[in-house]
Amino acid sequence: MRVLLTGGYGCIGSWIVRILLPRGDAAFIYDLKEDTHRLRQILPPELIRRVTFVPGDVTDLPGLKAALHTYDISHVVHLAGLQVPVCRANPILGAKVNVLGTLAVFEAVREAGERIKRLVYASSAAVFGPPESYPPGPLSDDVPLKPTTHYGYFKCCNEGNARTYFQDHGLSSVGLRPWTVYGVGRDFGMTSEPTKAIKALALGRSYHISYGGWQDMQFVEDVAGVFVRCLEASYIGANVYNLRGDVVDMPAFHRALCAVDPRAEKLITYGERQIAIAYDLDDDALQRDMGPIPRTPLVEGIRHTLIHFQQLRAEGRLDTSDLDT
């Protein structure tokens, strides 16, 4: 595969690249600027040199079309977007990047025709409303969407536009709805705090997670693997799929931290506020259409992340800027 990743220097994109390159696939990252700091945390220099940087703005349709043609792209992963804090502070900019940028990607892929074999894009669990808006039990992909943020509404818009592109042009796509993605490289966004807590633990520092309640913890390597699986699987349509990892409350997450490193009992604390997004999401449709999709148990994922952070620290390469600001 020759894969173009918009926003590919982010956390999920970096892990997708980590999966693709050792297999012999080619990775092209389309982004405003070259920023390999997350890639450097998870890939050796010889693999990073195989990544082609394609400078461009995701809202620039001619630029996207040129990139698809110039690099003979066969598959597209659309990850570029502004997250909750930025969309809250600047809704117009958020809409420009998240909605118009997504439309530009779909239009570029549509015009490229059969050369593009698959388009996979990132939606978000933020399309769902608060837990109390739904009946108890796991929620399927097609329950009513009741977001509480601009970011969530932008993602709803993208999902609807994806379905319209299939309806009007036969353009198939796969949308994926991550919840709390954790792991090395997750250093920004509303649900990045559990990862920051693991990083603080690697440093022997205290950290307070500002929220509490329930969440769905999804190990970043698993999430990246789902994106790659959706690039490869035989599929026609425009479905959007829930992802599911370990659905736990914050005390259970804290216990898992303590099981990996007992120092967490004193170093890591957390609040009580429940994030206003339904957390008990059913991934049966994803498992049926794309599976089986493996899941890394929470304790194992935390241990892997902590060891990785500790190795980076020992090598003098652990970026702590997300903890220091």
Foldseek 3Di string as FASTA:
>chain_A
DAEEEEVLLALLNLLLLVVQVVVPYQYEYEYQDDDNLLNVLPDDPVSVVRYHYQYDALLDLVSLLCVCVVRLHAEYEYEDADAQVVCQVPVVVRLSRLASSLVSNLVSVLVVPNSHPAYEYEAALQQAFAQVVDDDAAAEQPDHGDHDGSSNVSSVNSLVVLQVCCVPRQHEYEYEHDWQEEFRRLQDHLNHQVNLCLLCVLVVAADEAEEWFKAFYAYSSLVSVLRVLRRPFDDGHRDYFYDGADIDTRVVLLVLVCVLPVSSVPRYHYDYHDDGGNHRHDRVVSCVRRDDRDYDHSSRSSNVRNVSSNVCVVVVSRDCPSVVD
